[in-house]
Amino acid sequence: MPDNVNETAAARAQGEPVCIDARRVYDSCGDKDCLSDLPVYLSDASQALIDNAVNVRIRNADVLNVMLDIEPVPFNRGFYSIDITFFFSVTLDVYSSPNTAPQQVEGLCISDKKVILYGSEGNVRVFSSDMTADDYDTQNTPARSLPTANVQVAKPIALAVNVKGKKPCHKVCHKIPSAVLQQIGGNISERGERVVLATLGVFSIVQLLRNVQMLIPSYDFCIPEKRCESSTDSPCEMFSRLDFPTDEFFPPNVVENNPDNGGGCGCGCSD
């Protein structure tokens, strides 16, 4: 066997160094924010229900969208400020009279956040293309080598809701994406005598990433180890391949669920 074959096999076993272009996280931060008294923006129909409600409760909250704006920090080279705007959907249970089932309405909450992170420096312009068959490749818009902001948000926790008798001036000063606006009925009511204020708990992680070339060990290509099975038109044949759900008929006991318990006190400890 030639020596170069042995050298290649040995290099793969130890991790042959290869160069890749990937996003590297230069800086990041995590936050646990309690966003209190966020005005809930409602459609005209939902606002009418709130004005005549005897009770309002918060049922659920979710993240609809996040808008980001990143700018260099003056006199601090390599640092960037990230302006973040969160759009939350809030589901409310509105009771129009005592001892009746509630009506659910969807509202919108908006919250701003600013963080400063380190994203390093880069003074080059990046040109790239998308391949087009039998023609000149499509050129993408050239961009400067600025870092990219990335925000991860967990599902918000709906903590509390408060209804005030007099609706304060809380005109929306943000640009709301049309897809977000459609979630609450397509418009925001500017009338009404009462306002709903929601309190949400939000966990988030903010990152600054930059495309860099890195040398990493490579062991082998990711070759699939199983064959693709063709689908069948026979539902009975597909059903025959399913295992019998024994656990559904005979639920496992505590010892089976905790094999390491060894018959202890039932909470992972021994007598």
Protein backbone atom coordinates (compact mmCIF):
# COMPACT_ATOMS: atom_id res chain seq x y z
CA MET A 1 0.00 0.00 0.00
CA PRO A 2 1.45 3.43 -0.90
CA ASP A 3 2.73 5.53 1.97
CA ASN A 4 0.53 8.51 1.08
CA VAL A 5 -2.62 6.39 1.57
CA ASN A 6 -1.47 5.45 5.07
CA GLU A 7 -0.68 9.09 5.83
CA THR A 8 -4.17 10.19 4.64
CA ALA A 9 -5.90 7.55 6.79
CA ALA A 10 -3.82 8.55 9.81
CA ALA A 11 -4.59 12.23 9.27
CA ARG A 12 -8.34 11.51 9.15
CA ALA A 13 -8.14 9.45 12.32
CA GLN A 14 -6.48 12.36 14.15
CA GLY A 15 -8.61 15.06 12.55
CA GLU A 16 -7.33 16.56 9.33
CA PRO A 17 -7.30 20.39 9.54
CA VAL A 18 -9.64 22.09 7.07
CA CYS A 19 -10.57 25.74 6.56
CA ILE A 20 -14.25 26.70 6.82
CA ASP A 21 -16.19 29.94 6.56
CA ALA A 22 -18.54 30.15 9.55
CA ARG A 23 -20.19 32.58 11.93
CA ARG A 24 -18.28 33.08 15.14
CA VAL A 25 -19.90 34.53 18.25
CA TYR A 26 -17.70 37.44 19.33
CA ASP A 27 -19.82 38.57 22.25
CA SER A 28 -23.14 37.69 23.86
CA CYS A 29 -25.28 38.44 26.89
CA GLY A 30 -28.35 36.92 28.51
CA ASP A 31 -31.13 38.72 30.35
CA LYS A 32 -34.16 37.96 32.50
CA ASP A 33 -36.47 40.97 32.12
CA CYS A 34 -39.71 41.63 33.95
CA LEU A 35 -41.57 43.96 31.60
CA SER A 36 -44.24 45.59 33.74
CA ASP A 37 -47.24 47.68 32.72
CA LEU A 38 -46.88 47.23 28.96
CA PRO A 39 -49.88 48.80 27.18
CA VAL A 40 -51.89 46.20 25.27
CA TYR A 41 -52.91 47.58 21.89
CA LEU A 42 -56.26 46.25 20.68
CA SER A 43 -58.47 46.39 17.63
CA ASP A 44 -61.70 48.40 17.67
CA ALA A 45 -63.82 45.31 18.32
CA SER A 46 -61.58 44.08 21.15
CA GLN A 47 -61.42 47.54 22.73
CA ALA A 48 -65.21 47.65 22.87
CA LEU A 49 -65.22 44.39 24.82
CA ILE A 50 -62.63 45.73 27.27
CA ASP A 51 -64.64 48.91 27.89
CA ASN A 52 -67.67 46.85 28.93
CA ALA A 53 -65.88 44.03 30.78
CA VAL A 54 -66.37 43.22 34.43
CA ASN A 55 -63.08 41.32 34.62
CA VAL A 56 -60.02 40.72 32.44
CA ARG A 57 -57.42 38.01 32.87
CA ILE A 58 -54.27 37.25 30.93
CA ARG A 59 -54.17 33.76 29.45
CA ASN A 60 -51.10 33.54 27.25
CA ALA A 61 -48.26 35.47 25.60
CA ASP A 62 -45.95 34.79 22.68
CA VAL A 63 -43.28 36.48 20.55
CA LEU A 64 -44.56 37.63 17.17
CA ASN A 65 -41.46 39.36 15.82
CA VAL A 66 -38.22 41.07 16.81
CA MET A 67 -36.73 44.04 14.93
CA LEU A 68 -33.01 44.82 15.24
CA ASP A 69 -30.86 47.83 14.46
CA ILE A 70 -27.09 47.73 14.94
CA GLU A 71 -24.79 50.78 14.93
CA PRO A 72 -21.11 51.33 15.84
CA VAL A 73 -20.51 52.97 19.21
CA PRO A 74 -18.60 56.27 18.73
CA PHE A 75 -15.11 56.41 20.25
CA ASN A 76 -15.28 52.71 21.20
CA ARG A 77 -13.75 50.77 18.35
CA GLY A 78 -15.16 47.31 17.89
CA PHE A 79 -18.24 47.92 20.04
CA TYR A 80 -21.79 48.14 18.67
CA SER A 81 -25.11 49.19 20.12
CA ILE A 82 -28.06 46.93 19.31
CA ASP A 83 -31.56 48.43 19.46
CA ILE A 84 -34.12 45.65 19.89
CA THR A 85 -37.89 45.98 19.52
CA PHE A 86 -39.99 43.06 20.73
CA PHE A 87 -43.53 42.49 19.48
CA PHE A 88 -45.57 40.27 21.81
CA SER A 89 -49.02 38.85 21.26
CA VAL A 90 -51.16 38.69 24.40
CA THR A 91 -54.29 36.58 24.75
CA LEU A 92 -56.84 37.97 27.20
CA ASP A 93 -59.94 36.39 28.76
CA VAL A 94 -62.63 39.06 28.84
CA TYR A 95 -65.66 38.53 31.08
CA SER A 96 -68.65 40.62 30.01
CA SER A 97 -70.76 39.61 33.04
CA PRO A 98 -70.34 37.50 36.17
CA ASN A 99 -70.67 33.70 35.93
CA THR A 100 -70.30 33.64 32.16
CA ALA A 101 -67.71 32.10 29.88
CA PRO A 102 -64.97 34.54 28.84
CA GLN A 103 -64.32 35.81 25.34
CA GLN A 104 -60.75 35.62 24.13
CA VAL A 105 -59.18 38.63 22.41
CA GLU A 106 -55.72 39.14 20.97
CA GLY A 107 -53.66 42.19 21.81
CA LEU A 108 -50.21 43.53 21.00
CA CYS A 109 -47.44 44.63 23.38
CA ILE A 110 -44.26 46.39 22.29
CA SER A 111 -41.04 46.70 24.28
CA ASP A 112 -37.64 48.23 23.52
CA LYS A 113 -34.21 47.13 24.68
CA LYS A 114 -30.66 48.36 24.01
CA VAL A 115 -27.44 46.43 24.60
CA ILE A 116 -23.79 47.12 23.75
CA LEU A 117 -21.57 44.22 22.71
CA TYR A 118 -18.14 43.73 21.21
CA GLY A 119 -18.15 42.71 17.56
CA SER A 120 -14.53 43.36 16.49
CA GLU A 121 -13.59 45.37 13.42
CA GLY A 122 -13.55 44.80 9.70
CA ASN A 123 -12.89 47.31 6.92
CA VAL A 124 -13.46 45.19 3.83
CA ARG A 125 -16.44 44.94 1.50
CA VAL A 126 -17.89 41.52 0.77
CA PHE A 127 -19.07 40.55 -2.72
CA SER A 128 -20.88 37.27 -3.33
CA SER A 129 -23.05 35.61 -5.95
CA ASP A 130 -25.80 33.07 -6.34
CA MET A 131 -25.24 30.52 -9.09
CA THR A 132 -27.46 30.88 -12.17
CA ALA A 133 -27.40 28.04 -14.69
CA ASP A 134 -26.45 28.95 -18.28
CA ASP A 135 -26.12 32.63 -17.48
CA TYR A 136 -24.05 35.09 -15.51
CA ASP A 137 -24.34 34.49 -11.80
CA THR A 138 -26.64 36.81 -9.90
CA GLN A 139 -24.59 39.24 -7.86
CA ASN A 140 -25.76 39.88 -4.32
CA THR A 141 -25.73 43.39 -2.91
CA PRO A 142 -22.21 44.12 -1.65
CA ALA A 143 -22.00 44.55 2.11
CA ARG A 144 -19.45 45.81 4.54
CA SER A 145 -18.02 43.33 6.97
CA LEU A 146 -20.19 44.42 9.89
CA PRO A 147 -21.18 41.92 12.57
CA THR A 148 -24.64 40.39 12.59
CA ALA A 149 -26.94 40.67 15.60
CA ASN A 150 -28.83 37.59 16.69
CA VAL A 151 -31.55 37.47 19.36
CA GLN A 152 -33.01 34.32 20.90
CA VAL A 153 -36.20 34.72 22.91
CA ALA A 154 -37.95 32.08 24.99
CA LYS A 155 -41.72 31.97 25.19
CA PRO A 156 -42.76 34.86 27.48
CA ILE A 157 -44.39 34.17 30.82
CA ALA A 158 -47.71 35.95 31.28
CA LEU A 159 -47.45 37.25 34.84
CA ALA A 160 -50.26 39.72 35.43
CA VAL A 161 -52.69 42.15 33.87
CA ASN A 162 -54.19 45.41 35.11
CA VAL A 163 -57.08 47.45 33.74
CA LYS A 164 -57.18 51.19 34.32
CA GLY A 165 -60.32 53.23 34.12
CA LYS A 166 -58.82 56.09 32.18
CA LYS A 167 -56.94 55.31 29.01
CA PRO A 168 -53.66 57.25 28.93
CA CYS A 169 -52.11 58.50 25.74
CA HIS A 170 -50.02 55.61 24.50
CA LYS A 171 -49.90 56.26 20.80
CA VAL A 172 -47.82 53.71 18.95
CA CYS A 173 -44.55 55.30 17.87
CA HIS A 174 -43.08 52.14 16.37
CA LYS A 175 -43.30 50.88 12.84
CA ILE A 176 -45.38 47.72 13.13
CA PRO A 177 -44.90 45.02 10.46
CA SER A 178 -48.13 44.28 8.61
CA ALA A 179 -47.92 40.58 9.51
CA VAL A 180 -47.85 41.54 13.20
CA LEU A 181 -50.77 43.93 12.81
CA GLN A 182 -52.89 41.22 11.22
CA GLN A 183 -52.53 39.13 14.37
CA ILE A 184 -54.75 41.52 16.33
CA GLY A 185 -57.33 42.29 13.64
CA GLY A 186 -55.48 44.57 11.24
CA ASN A 187 -55.81 47.87 13.12
CA ILE A 188 -55.14 49.48 16.49
CA SER A 189 -57.95 51.30 18.21
CA GLU A 190 -57.33 54.91 19.21
CA ARG A 191 -60.64 55.16 21.05
CA GLY A 192 -61.82 53.61 24.27
CA GLU A 193 -62.12 54.51 27.93
CA ARG A 194 -59.98 51.78 29.48
CA VAL A 195 -56.50 50.47 28.91
CA VAL A 196 -55.04 47.04 29.64
CA LEU A 197 -51.51 46.89 31.10
CA ALA A 198 -49.71 43.54 30.96
CA THR A 199 -46.66 42.28 32.85
CA LEU A 200 -44.49 39.74 31.04
CA GLY A 201 -41.40 37.78 32.03
CA VAL A 202 -38.92 37.44 29.17
CA PHE A 203 -35.71 35.43 28.85
CA SER A 204 -33.43 36.44 25.98
CA ILE A 205 -29.92 35.98 24.62
CA VAL A 206 -28.30 38.61 22.36
CA GLN A 207 -25.27 37.73 20.24
CA LEU A 208 -22.92 39.51 17.86
CA LEU A 209 -21.64 37.21 15.11
CA ARG A 210 -19.14 37.73 12.33
CA ASN A 211 -18.22 35.58 9.34
CA VAL A 212 -14.65 34.37 9.75
CA GLN A 213 -12.42 31.70 8.26
CA MET A 214 -11.44 29.12 10.87
CA LEU A 215 -9.17 26.08 10.84
CA ILE A 216 -10.89 23.11 12.46
CA PRO A 217 -10.20 19.36 12.60
CA SER A 218 -12.16 17.30 10.10
CA TYR A 219 -12.61 13.56 10.60
CA ASP A 220 -14.71 12.52 7.62
CA PHE A 221 -17.69 13.42 5.48
CA CYS A 222 -21.18 12.95 6.90
CA ILE A 223 -22.25 9.95 4.83
CA PRO A 224 -25.79 8.65 5.52
CA GLU A 225 -25.75 5.23 7.16
CA LYS A 226 -29.31 4.14 6.31
CA ARG A 227 -31.31 3.82 3.12
CA CYS A 228 -34.33 5.91 2.25
CA GLU A 229 -37.49 3.80 2.48
CA SER A 230 -40.05 4.31 -0.23
CA SER A 231 -43.52 5.23 0.94
CA THR A 232 -46.33 2.79 0.36
CA ASP A 233 -49.89 3.37 -0.74
CA SER A 234 -51.17 0.63 1.58
CA PRO A 235 -52.13 2.01 5.02
CA CYS A 236 -52.36 -1.51 6.44
CA GLU A 237 -48.78 -2.26 5.40
CA MET A 238 -47.60 0.92 7.09
CA PHE A 239 -49.63 0.04 10.21
CA SER A 240 -48.10 -3.43 10.34
CA ARG A 241 -44.64 -1.93 10.87
CA LEU A 242 -45.68 -0.13 14.07
CA ASP A 243 -44.80 -1.72 17.41
CA PHE A 244 -47.57 -2.66 19.77
CA PRO A 245 -47.97 0.13 22.39
CA THR A 246 -47.55 -2.05 25.46
CA ASP A 247 -46.88 0.88 27.80
CA GLU A 248 -50.25 2.41 26.92
CA PHE A 249 -52.05 -0.66 28.29
CA PHE A 250 -49.62 -1.46 31.10
CA PRO A 251 -48.15 1.78 32.53
CA PRO A 252 -44.65 1.28 34.00
CA ASN A 253 -44.24 1.44 37.76
CA VAL A 254 -41.81 3.61 39.72
CA VAL A 255 -38.93 1.11 39.63
CA GLU A 256 -39.16 0.78 35.84
CA ASN A 257 -39.17 4.55 35.43
CA ASN A 258 -36.18 4.92 37.79
CA PRO A 259 -33.87 1.92 37.24
CA ASP A 260 -31.15 3.54 39.38
CA ASN A 261 -33.47 4.00 42.33
CA GLY A 262 -33.00 0.47 43.59
CA GLY A 263 -36.25 0.51 45.58
CA GLY A 264 -35.32 3.56 47.64
CA CYS A 265 -37.56 6.34 48.86
CA GLY A 266 -38.94 7.09 45.38
CA CYS A 267 -37.04 10.36 44.82
CA GLY A 268 -33.65 9.08 43.73
CA CYS A 269 -32.26 8.52 47.22
CA SER A 270 -31.66 5.37 49.22
CA ASP A 271 -33.25 4.36 52.50
